[in-house]
Protein backbone atom coordinates (compact mmCIF):
# COMPACT_ATOMS: atom_id res chain seq x y z
CA UNK A 1 0.00 0.00 0.00
CA UNK A 2 1.43 3.38 -1.01
CA UNK A 3 1.82 6.36 1.31
CA UNK A 4 1.48 9.94 0.07
CA UNK A 5 3.03 12.91 1.79
CA UNK A 6 1.86 16.40 1.21
CA UNK A 7 4.19 19.32 1.60
CA UNK A 8 2.54 22.69 1.56
CA UNK A 9 3.87 25.51 -0.61
CA UNK A 10 4.25 27.80 2.41
CA UNK A 11 6.56 25.31 4.10
CA UNK A 12 8.65 25.03 0.97
CA UNK A 13 8.92 28.80 0.79
CA UNK A 14 10.06 29.06 4.41
CA UNK A 15 12.59 26.29 4.03
CA UNK A 16 14.02 27.86 0.89
CA UNK A 17 14.32 31.28 2.52
CA UNK A 18 16.08 29.80 5.54
CA UNK A 19 18.52 27.95 3.30
CA UNK A 20 19.17 31.12 1.32
CA UNK A 21 19.83 33.13 4.49
CA UNK A 22 22.15 30.45 5.85
CA UNK A 23 24.09 30.19 2.61
CA UNK A 24 24.29 33.98 2.25
CA UNK A 25 25.66 34.36 5.77
CA UNK A 26 28.20 31.60 5.16
CA UNK A 27 29.23 33.26 1.88
CA UNK A 28 29.51 36.65 3.60
CA UNK A 29 31.65 35.21 6.39
CA UNK A 30 33.96 33.48 3.94
CA UNK A 31 34.27 36.66 1.90
CA UNK A 32 35.14 38.61 5.08
CA UNK A 33 37.77 36.01 5.96
CA UNK A 34 39.30 36.32 2.49
CA UNK A 35 39.43 40.12 2.56
CA UNK A 36 40.92 40.21 6.09
CA UNK A 37 43.21 37.20 5.55
CA UNK A 38 42.12 35.83 8.92
CA UNK A 39 40.29 32.69 9.88
CA UNK A 40 39.26 34.23 13.23
CA UNK A 41 37.91 37.74 12.72
CA UNK A 42 35.96 37.93 15.98
CA UNK A 43 36.48 36.12 19.26
CA UNK A 44 33.13 34.38 18.76
CA UNK A 45 34.51 32.69 15.62
CA UNK A 46 36.88 30.53 17.71
CA UNK A 47 37.31 31.58 21.37
CA UNK A 48 40.33 29.32 21.98
CA UNK A 49 42.20 30.45 18.88
CA UNK A 50 41.35 34.09 19.61
CA UNK A 51 42.79 33.77 23.12
CA UNK A 52 45.98 32.16 21.77
CA UNK A 53 46.41 34.92 19.21
CA UNK A 54 45.81 37.63 21.83
CA UNK A 55 48.44 36.13 24.14
CA UNK A 56 50.95 36.03 21.29
CA UNK A 57 50.23 39.68 20.42
CA UNK A 58 50.67 40.77 24.05
CA UNK A 59 53.99 38.93 24.34
CA UNK A 60 55.23 40.42 21.08
CA UNK A 61 54.31 43.88 22.34
CA UNK A 62 56.26 43.27 25.53
CA UNK A 63 59.28 42.08 23.53
CA UNK A 64 59.14 45.21 21.39
CA UNK A 65 59.13 47.39 24.52
CA UNK A 66 62.04 45.42 25.97
CA UNK A 67 63.93 45.75 22.70
CA UNK A 68 63.50 49.54 22.72
CA UNK A 69 64.82 49.67 26.28
CA UNK A 70 67.70 47.39 25.32
CA UNK A 71 68.68 49.68 22.45
CA UNK A 72 68.85 52.63 24.85
CA UNK A 73 71.00 50.57 27.24
CA UNK A 74 73.18 49.36 24.39
CA UNK A 75 73.79 52.93 23.26
CA UNK A 76 74.70 54.06 26.78
CA UNK A 77 77.04 51.09 27.26
CA UNK A 78 78.73 51.75 23.91
CA UNK A 79 79.33 55.34 25.05
CA UNK A 80 80.67 54.11 28.39
CA UNK A 81 83.06 51.68 26.68
CA UNK A 82 84.27 54.48 24.41
CA UNK A 83 84.70 56.73 27.44
CA UNK A 84 86.87 54.15 29.17
CA UNK A 85 88.92 53.81 25.97
CA UNK A 86 89.50 57.57 25.94
CA UNK A 87 90.46 57.45 29.63
CA UNK A 88 92.97 54.66 28.99
CA UNK A 89 94.50 56.69 26.17
CA UNK A 90 94.86 59.79 28.36
CA UNK A 91 96.43 57.80 31.20
CA UNK A 92 98.92 56.28 28.77
CA UNK A 93 99.88 59.75 27.54
CA UNK A 94 100.32 60.93 31.13
CA UNK A 95 102.43 57.90 31.91
CA UNK A 96 104.80 58.70 29.05
CA UNK A 97 105.19 62.28 30.29
CA UNK A 98 105.76 61.09 33.87
CA UNK A 99 108.51 58.73 32.71
CA UNK A 100 110.18 61.59 30.84
CA UNK A 101 109.86 63.88 33.87
CA UNK A 102 111.84 61.41 35.99
CA UNK A 103 115.06 61.95 34.06
CA UNK A 104 117.85 63.04 36.36
CA UNK A 105 119.20 65.53 33.81
CA UNK A 106 116.19 67.85 33.91
CA UNK A 107 116.15 71.25 35.56
CA UNK A 108 113.33 72.36 37.88
CA UNK A 109 111.95 74.46 35.02
CA UNK A 110 111.87 71.41 32.75
CA UNK A 111 110.03 69.38 35.38
CA UNK A 112 107.52 72.21 35.78
CA UNK A 113 106.88 72.13 32.04
CA UNK A 114 106.19 68.41 32.18
CA UNK A 115 103.96 68.93 35.22
CA UNK A 116 101.90 71.51 33.31
CA UNK A 117 101.42 69.09 30.42
CA UNK A 118 100.36 66.32 32.81
CA UNK A 119 97.91 68.66 34.54
CA UNK A 120 96.33 69.56 31.19
CA UNK A 121 95.77 65.87 30.45
CA UNK A 122 94.43 65.37 33.98
CA UNK A 123 91.82 68.07 33.37
CA UNK A 124 90.79 66.31 30.16
CA UNK A 125 90.57 63.03 32.07
CA UNK A 126 88.29 64.67 34.64
CA UNK A 127 85.94 65.77 31.86
CA UNK A 128 85.99 62.34 30.22
CA UNK A 129 85.09 60.40 33.38
CA UNK A 130 82.16 62.76 34.03
CA UNK A 131 80.58 62.22 30.60
CA UNK A 132 76.82 61.71 30.37
CA UNK A 133 74.64 59.66 28.05
CA UNK A 134 71.99 61.08 25.73
CA UNK A 135 69.53 61.22 28.64
CA UNK A 136 71.90 63.33 30.75
CA UNK A 137 72.85 60.50 33.13
CA UNK A 138 76.52 59.90 34.05
CA UNK A 139 78.01 56.92 32.23
CA UNK A 140 80.21 55.98 35.21
CA UNK A 141 77.62 56.68 37.90
CA UNK A 142 77.76 53.19 39.50
CA UNK A 143 74.53 52.47 41.44
CA UNK A 144 73.59 56.16 41.45
CA UNK A 145 75.45 59.40 41.76
CA UNK A 146 75.27 63.13 41.32
CA UNK A 147 75.19 64.42 37.76
CA UNK A 148 78.94 64.95 38.11
CA UNK A 149 80.19 61.90 40.04
CA UNK A 150 83.88 62.90 40.23
CA UNK A 151 84.44 66.23 41.91
CA UNK A 152 87.40 67.92 43.55
CA UNK A 153 90.36 70.22 42.98
CA UNK A 154 94.13 70.26 43.32
CA UNK A 155 93.86 71.84 46.77
CA UNK A 156 91.43 69.27 48.13
CA UNK A 157 92.18 66.22 50.23
CA UNK A 158 91.47 63.88 48.61
CA UNK A 159 91.90 65.82 45.41
CA UNK A 160 88.98 63.98 43.81
CA UNK A 161 86.11 62.10 45.37
CA UNK A 162 83.27 59.96 44.04
CA UNK A 163 79.87 61.42 44.87
CA UNK A 164 77.71 58.35 44.53
CA UNK A 165 76.96 54.82 45.62
CA UNK A 166 79.72 52.43 44.59
CA UNK A 167 78.83 49.13 42.97
CA UNK A 168 77.95 47.64 39.60
CA UNK A 169 74.28 47.37 38.67
CA UNK A 170 73.27 43.87 37.62
CA UNK A 171 71.77 43.03 34.26
CA UNK A 172 68.27 41.58 33.96
CA UNK A 173 67.15 38.85 31.57
CA UNK A 174 65.97 41.12 28.73
CA UNK A 175 68.31 44.03 29.47
CA UNK A 176 71.79 45.12 30.51
CA UNK A 177 73.10 47.66 32.99
CA UNK A 178 72.96 51.25 31.77
CA UNK A 179 75.86 52.49 33.93
CA UNK A 180 79.31 51.28 34.90
CA UNK A 181 80.92 51.34 38.32
CA UNK A 182 83.15 54.41 38.00
CA UNK A 183 84.23 54.03 41.62
CA UNK A 184 85.73 50.63 40.86
CA UNK A 185 87.48 51.98 37.76
CA UNK A 186 88.99 55.20 39.09
CA UNK A 187 88.88 55.16 42.88
CA UNK A 188 91.09 53.09 45.18
CA UNK A 189 89.70 51.38 48.27
CA UNK A 190 92.46 50.81 50.87
CA UNK A 191 90.85 47.57 52.08
CA UNK A 192 90.38 46.33 48.51
CA UNK A 193 93.37 47.65 46.59
CA UNK A 194 95.91 48.46 49.33
CA UNK A 195 97.58 51.25 47.32
CA UNK A 196 99.80 53.52 49.44
CA UNK A 197 102.05 56.39 48.37
CA UNK A 198 105.46 56.84 49.99
CA UNK A 199 106.75 60.42 49.94
CA UNK A 200 110.16 61.68 51.08
CA UNK A 201 110.93 64.76 53.12
CA UNK A 202 113.81 66.04 55.23
CA UNK A 203 112.80 67.95 58.35
CA UNK A 204 116.40 68.72 59.21
CA UNK A 205 116.84 70.86 56.13
CA UNK A 206 119.54 68.70 54.54
CA UNK A 207 119.06 68.54 50.79
CA UNK A 208 118.86 65.22 49.01
CA UNK A 209 121.18 66.58 46.30
CA UNK A 210 124.26 64.46 46.02
CA UNK A 211 122.76 61.43 47.73
CA UNK A 212 120.03 59.19 46.40
CA UNK A 213 117.27 58.24 48.81
CA UNK A 214 114.23 56.33 47.60
CA UNK A 215 111.63 53.80 48.62
CA UNK A 216 110.20 50.81 46.89
CA UNK A 217 106.50 50.31 46.29
CA UNK A 218 104.50 49.85 49.49
CA UNK A 219 103.22 46.29 49.71
CA UNK A 220 100.10 45.75 51.83
CA UNK A 221 99.51 42.37 53.40
CA UNK A 222 95.94 41.35 54.31
CA UNK A 223 94.43 44.70 53.24
CA UNK A 224 90.93 43.61 54.24
CA UNK A 225 91.97 43.90 57.92
CA UNK A 226 93.43 47.40 57.53
CA UNK A 227 92.90 49.64 60.55
CA UNK A 228 90.78 52.75 59.93
CA UNK A 229 90.43 55.94 61.90
CA UNK A 230 87.35 57.22 63.70
CA UNK A 231 86.23 58.98 60.50
CA UNK A 232 86.39 55.75 58.55
CA UNK A 233 89.50 56.84 56.66
CA UNK A 234 92.87 55.03 56.75
CA UNK A 235 95.66 56.47 58.86
CA UNK A 236 98.73 58.16 57.42
CA UNK A 237 102.06 56.86 58.75
CA UNK A 238 105.47 58.54 59.01
CA UNK A 239 108.84 56.82 59.34
CA UNK A 240 111.56 59.20 60.64
CA UNK A 241 115.28 58.53 60.96
CA UNK A 242 116.12 59.40 64.58
CA UNK A 243 119.87 58.72 64.73
CA UNK A 244 122.77 56.31 64.24
CA UNK A 245 124.41 53.85 66.57
CA UNK A 246 127.62 51.87 66.58
CA UNK A 247 126.86 48.15 66.34
CA UNK A 248 128.07 45.88 69.12
CA UNK A 249 131.30 43.95 68.80
CA UNK A 250 132.58 42.32 66.75
CA UNK A 251 130.69 44.31 64.03
CA UNK A 252 131.87 47.74 65.32
CA UNK A 253 134.62 48.01 62.72
CA UNK A 254 135.21 49.76 59.40
CA UNK A 255 132.69 52.47 60.17
CA UNK A 256 129.73 50.11 60.48
CA UNK A 257 126.60 51.66 61.93
CA UNK A 258 122.92 51.04 62.69
CA UNK A 259 120.22 53.53 61.70
CA UNK A 260 117.38 54.01 64.18
CA UNK A 261 113.89 55.18 63.32
CA UNK A 262 110.43 55.66 64.75
CA UNK A 263 107.01 55.02 63.19
CA UNK A 264 104.14 57.33 64.09
CA UNK A 265 100.49 57.45 63.08
CA UNK A 266 98.61 60.54 61.88
CA UNK A 267 96.67 60.72 65.17
CA UNK A 268 99.95 61.14 67.07
CA UNK A 269 100.32 57.55 68.24
CA UNK A 270 103.90 56.28 68.05
CA UNK A 271 103.68 52.68 66.81
CA UNK A 272 107.40 51.86 66.80
CA UNK A 273 109.60 54.19 68.88
CA UNK A 274 112.86 52.24 68.63
CA UNK A 275 113.08 50.67 65.22
CA UNK A 276 116.53 49.63 64.02
CA UNK A 277 118.04 48.78 60.67
CA UNK A 278 120.49 45.98 60.16
CA UNK A 279 124.23 46.62 60.21
CA UNK A 280 125.12 49.13 57.50
CA UNK A 281 128.55 50.01 56.15
CA UNK A 282 129.96 53.49 55.89
CA UNK A 283 130.12 54.68 52.29
CA UNK A 284 128.03 51.81 50.94
CA UNK A 285 124.45 51.73 49.65
CA UNK A 286 122.02 50.91 52.43
CA UNK A 287 118.63 49.22 52.49
CA UNK A 288 116.36 49.45 55.52
CA UNK A 289 113.30 47.15 55.43
CA UNK A 290 110.33 48.84 57.08
CA UNK A 291 107.24 47.00 58.31
CA UNK A 292 104.27 48.92 59.72
CA UNK A 293 101.50 47.13 61.60
CA UNK A 294 98.11 48.66 60.75
CA UNK A 295 95.56 46.61 62.66
CA UNK A 296 95.49 43.17 61.06
CA UNK A 297 97.32 44.44 57.97
CA UNK A 298 100.98 45.17 57.36
CA UNK A 299 102.58 47.87 55.22
CA UNK A 300 106.03 46.90 54.01
CA UNK A 301 108.61 48.71 51.90
CA UNK A 302 112.35 49.22 51.67
CA UNK A 303 114.05 52.55 52.33
CA UNK A 304 117.06 52.68 50.03
CA UNK A 305 119.97 55.10 50.15
CA UNK A 306 123.18 55.74 48.25
CA UNK A 307 125.81 57.98 49.94
CA UNK A 308 127.35 61.06 48.36
CA UNK A 309 131.08 61.76 48.04
CA UNK A 310 132.47 64.18 50.57
CA UNK A 311 134.75 66.97 49.28
CA UNK A 312 137.37 65.82 51.82
CA UNK A 313 137.57 62.43 50.15
CA UNK A 314 135.53 60.41 52.65
CA UNK A 315 132.09 58.94 52.12
CA UNK A 316 129.06 59.94 54.12
CA UNK A 317 126.06 57.97 55.19
CA UNK A 318 123.15 57.88 52.73
CA UNK A 319 120.63 58.96 55.38
CA UNK A 320 120.43 61.99 57.60
CA UNK A 321 118.66 62.51 60.90
CA UNK A 322 115.04 63.56 60.37
CA UNK A 323 114.83 62.06 56.90
CA UNK A 324 111.14 61.10 56.82
CA UNK A 325 108.99 58.83 54.70
CA UNK A 326 105.26 59.62 54.73
CA UNK A 327 103.04 56.68 53.83
CA UNK A 328 99.53 57.73 52.78
CA UNK A 329 96.70 55.85 51.11
CA UNK A 330 96.00 56.84 47.51
CA UNK A 331 92.32 57.54 46.98
CA UNK A 332 92.17 57.12 43.23
CA UNK A 333 93.65 57.56 39.80
CA UNK A 334 93.07 61.31 39.72
CA UNK A 335 94.62 61.62 43.18
CA UNK A 336 97.77 59.87 41.92
CA UNK A 337 98.06 62.25 38.96
CA UNK A 338 97.45 65.35 41.07
CA UNK A 339 100.06 64.25 43.61
CA UNK A 340 102.77 63.63 41.01
CA UNK A 341 102.02 67.03 39.42
CA UNK A 342 102.46 68.72 42.81
CA UNK A 343 105.62 66.77 43.65
CA UNK A 344 107.24 67.43 40.27
CA UNK A 345 106.61 71.15 40.65
CA UNK A 346 108.05 71.12 44.16
CA UNK A 347 111.02 68.84 43.43
CA UNK A 348 114.31 70.67 44.09
CA UNK A 349 116.46 67.74 43.01
CA UNK A 350 116.46 64.81 40.64
CA UNK A 351 116.20 62.47 43.64
CA UNK A 352 112.86 63.91 44.75
CA UNK A 353 111.53 63.81 41.18
CA UNK A 354 112.66 60.20 40.77
CA UNK A 355 110.85 59.19 43.95
CA UNK A 356 107.64 60.91 42.84
CA UNK A 357 107.81 59.32 39.41
CA UNK A 358 108.48 55.82 40.74
CA UNK A 359 105.50 55.92 43.08
CA UNK A 360 103.18 57.41 40.45
CA UNK A 361 104.07 54.84 37.81
CA UNK A 362 103.43 51.91 40.16
CA UNK A 363 100.02 53.27 41.10
CA UNK A 364 99.05 54.27 37.57
CA UNK A 365 99.81 50.74 36.38
CA UNK A 366 97.47 49.32 39.02
CA UNK A 367 94.82 51.87 38.07
CA UNK A 368 95.23 50.99 34.39
CA UNK A 369 94.52 47.37 35.25
CA UNK A 370 91.23 48.38 36.85
CA UNK A 371 90.31 50.60 33.89
CA UNK A 372 91.10 47.84 31.42
CA UNK A 373 89.14 45.27 33.44
CA UNK A 374 86.06 47.50 33.53
CA UNK A 375 86.39 48.25 29.82
CA UNK A 376 86.48 44.51 29.16
CA UNK A 377 83.34 44.13 31.29
CA UNK A 378 81.64 46.84 29.21
CA UNK A 379 82.56 44.93 26.06
CA UNK A 380 81.05 41.76 27.48
CA UNK A 381 77.84 43.66 28.31
CA UNK A 382 77.65 44.77 24.67
CA UNK A 383 78.09 41.15 23.59
CA UNK A 384 75.34 40.20 26.01
CA UNK A 385 73.08 42.85 24.49
CA UNK A 386 73.67 41.31 21.06
CA UNK A 387 72.79 37.86 22.38
CA UNK A 388 69.64 39.18 24.08
CA UNK A 389 68.60 40.95 20.87
CA UNK A 390 69.09 37.75 18.87
CA UNK A 391 67.10 35.71 21.39
CA UNK A 392 64.28 38.26 21.44
CA UNK A 393 64.15 38.26 17.65
CA UNK A 394 63.83 34.47 17.62
CA UNK A 395 61.07 34.67 20.23
CA UNK A 396 59.23 37.26 18.14
CA UNK A 397 59.39 34.98 15.10
CA UNK A 398 58.05 32.08 17.14
CA UNK A 399 55.25 34.14 18.64
CA UNK A 400 54.28 35.48 15.22
CA UNK A 401 54.10 31.89 13.96
CA UNK A 402 51.89 30.95 16.94
CA UNK A 403 49.59 33.89 16.24
CA UNK A 404 49.43 33.03 12.55
CA UNK A 405 48.51 29.41 13.24
CA UNK A 406 45.79 30.53 15.61
CA UNK A 407 43.99 33.17 13.51
CA UNK A 408 45.36 33.43 9.97
CA UNK A 409 43.52 31.94 7.02
CA UNK A 410 44.85 29.30 4.65
CA UNK A 411 44.20 31.24 1.44
CA UNK A 412 44.06 28.18 -0.83
CA UNK A 413 41.48 26.52 1.39
CA UNK A 414 39.68 29.83 1.89
CA UNK A 415 39.33 30.47 -1.85
CA UNK A 416 38.13 26.89 -2.40
CA UNK A 417 35.55 27.18 0.40
CA UNK A 418 34.38 30.54 -0.94
CA UNK A 419 33.93 29.19 -4.46
CA UNK A 420 32.03 26.17 -3.18
CA UNK A 421 29.83 28.39 -1.04
CA UNK A 422 29.22 30.75 -3.96
CA UNK A 423 28.26 27.84 -6.20
CA UNK A 424 25.90 26.47 -3.54
CA UNK A 425 24.36 29.92 -3.04
CA UNK A 426 23.68 30.25 -6.77
CA UNK A 427 22.07 26.79 -6.81
CA UNK A 428 19.88 27.74 -3.86
CA UNK A 429 18.81 30.94 -5.61
CA UNK A 430 17.80 29.02 -8.74
CA UNK A 431 15.96 26.43 -6.67
CA UNK A 432 14.09 29.15 -4.82
CA UNK A 433 13.19 30.80 -8.07
CA UNK A 434 11.62 27.55 -9.25
CA UNK A 435 9.71 27.08 -5.99
CA UNK A 436 8.56 30.67 -6.05
CA UNK A 437 6.72 30.11 -9.37
CA UNK A 438 4.79 26.99 -8.15
CA UNK A 439 1.09 27.65 -7.48
CA UNK A 440 -2.28 25.95 -8.09
CA UNK A 441 -2.93 28.11 -11.14
CA UNK A 442 0.49 27.15 -12.61
CA UNK A 443 -0.33 23.51 -11.98
CA UNK A 444 -3.79 23.77 -13.58
CA UNK A 445 -2.32 25.30 -16.68
Foldseek 3Di string as FASTA:
>chain_A
DDDDDDDDLVVVLVVLVVVLVVLVVVLVLLVVCLVVLWQDPDCVSPVVLVVLLVVLVVVLVVLVVLLVVQVLLLQLLVLLLVLLVVLLVLLVVLLVLLVVLLDQVDALVVLLVSLVVLVVSLVVNLVSQLDDGPVQDGQQQAPHFPSRQWDADLPDVLRIHGGHDAHHDQADLSHGDNHHRNCLQWWDDCLVHVFKAKAKDFPVPDDLPQKAKAKAGKDKFNSNQFAPDPVRHHKKKKKFFADKAQDDPPRNPQAKIKIWIWMAIPVGRTPGRTHIAPIDHFQAKDKGWDWDDGGPMIIIMIIIMHWGADPVGGTGDRDDGGIMMMMGHQTTLSSLSSVLSVQSSVDNGSNNSNRSSNSSSVVSVVSSVSSVVSSVVSVVSSVVSVVSVVVSVVSSVVSVVSSCVSIGDPNVVSVVVSVVSVVVSVVSVVVSVVSVPDDPVVVVD
